[in-house]
Amino acid sequence: MQLHWVYKNFGELSVDELYAILQLRNEVFSVEQNCVYQDADDKDQPAYHLCGWDGSKLAAYCRILPKGISYGHPSIGRVVTSPQYRKEGYGREMMQLAVRKTIEQFNDPVIIISAQLYLQHFYESIGFVQVSDTYMEDGIPHIKMQYG
């Protein structure tokens, strides 16, 4: 199955698209990972949103932030694949597309992410390298990684 990829800024998102994004992030980051944190962090508005749709079902999502919002370079965050769509390669497809979109959008070859430690090898396979020691974020071990 092929996902339909949509790339929009915050103002271009429909109410239904935004609801699907928040629903998926809540399902995985809050419920599945049993993590209490403030998801609505005022970073969605300046972000670009990359959504992988299977019809009307959001299968994969990430947001792309300009430099100065989280780091001194553009960043990719809230990377998530719906549990029903895992092990199909959509996360890799999305991250490869997100890297290309980020570089094109911001004309900066350097991208920073805050990666959950258990996903280090996945991100390394896409070209990211670890640039920090392990730190705790919302009770989950993370590392800062850089592309480019």
Foldseek 3Di string as FASTA:
>chain_A
DFWDKDKAAPVPDDPLRVVLLVVQLCVPVCPVVVFDDDPPPVQRRQWIKIFTHDDSHTFWIKIWHQAPPPHNHIEIDSTDGHPVNPPVCVSVVRVLVNLVCRCVVHVDNKYKYWAQPVCQVVVVVSAWDFDADWDDDRNTTTTMIMHD
